[in-house]
Amino acid sequence: MSTTLTFNFQHRSLVPFAHDYAHGDSEPWHQHDCAQLLHILSGVVRVETAQGYWV
């Protein structure tokens, strides 16, 4: 199943979005039109960018 989320950030400086991932879940390569901030409550996340990996 594929989900596409579209947000209009024009008039908002911050848009909160929560999502729970199960162990081993991953997302396909994608990009965002604006900066993203991740806040992890537990576990480990690895982010791959054109500049490298972040753990």
Protein backbone atom coordinates (compact mmCIF):
# COMPACT_ATOMS: atom_id res chain seq x y z
CA MET A 1 0.00 0.00 0.00
CA SER A 2 1.33 3.44 -0.91
CA THR A 3 0.43 6.70 0.78
CA THR A 4 1.20 10.17 -0.50
CA LEU A 5 1.02 13.07 1.92
CA THR A 6 0.83 16.60 0.59
CA PHE A 7 1.30 19.54 2.93
CA ASN A 8 1.08 23.27 2.25
CA PHE A 9 3.82 24.90 4.36
CA GLN A 10 3.35 28.38 2.90
CA HIS A 11 1.73 29.96 5.95
CA ARG A 12 3.10 27.72 8.71
CA SER A 13 6.60 27.62 10.10
CA LEU A 14 6.07 24.23 11.77
CA VAL A 15 3.78 21.33 10.93
CA PRO A 16 3.85 18.43 13.41
CA PHE A 17 3.38 14.92 12.08
CA ALA A 18 3.60 11.69 14.09
CA HIS A 19 4.16 8.22 12.70
CA ASP A 20 4.99 4.92 14.40
CA TYR A 21 7.30 2.48 12.62
CA ALA A 22 7.62 -1.21 13.46
CA HIS A 23 11.07 -2.78 13.82
CA GLY A 24 12.67 -3.12 10.40
CA ASP A 25 10.29 -0.75 8.58
CA SER A 26 11.76 1.44 5.86
CA GLU A 27 10.67 4.15 3.44
CA PRO A 28 11.52 4.27 -0.26
CA TRP A 29 13.92 7.01 -1.41
CA HIS A 30 12.04 10.32 -1.51
CA GLN A 31 12.60 14.03 -0.99
CA HIS A 32 10.88 16.94 0.70
CA ASP A 33 10.22 20.51 -0.44
CA CYS A 34 11.23 21.87 2.95
CA ALA A 35 13.51 20.96 5.86
CA GLN A 36 12.57 18.00 8.07
CA LEU A 37 13.23 17.41 11.77
CA LEU A 38 13.11 13.90 13.25
CA HIS A 39 12.48 13.26 16.93
CA ILE A 40 12.97 9.64 17.95
CA LEU A 41 11.53 8.51 21.29
CA SER A 42 13.09 5.04 21.24
CA GLY A 43 15.13 2.85 18.92
CA VAL A 44 17.49 3.89 16.15
CA VAL A 45 16.84 5.60 12.85
CA ARG A 46 19.17 5.78 9.84
CA VAL A 47 18.61 8.55 7.31
CA GLU A 48 20.27 8.44 3.91
CA THR A 49 20.82 11.73 2.06
CA ALA A 50 22.78 12.71 -1.03
CA GLN A 51 25.50 13.93 1.38
CA GLY A 52 25.72 10.71 3.41
CA TYR A 53 24.12 8.70 6.20
CA TRP A 54 22.88 9.95 9.57
CA VAL A 55 22.33 7.58 12.50
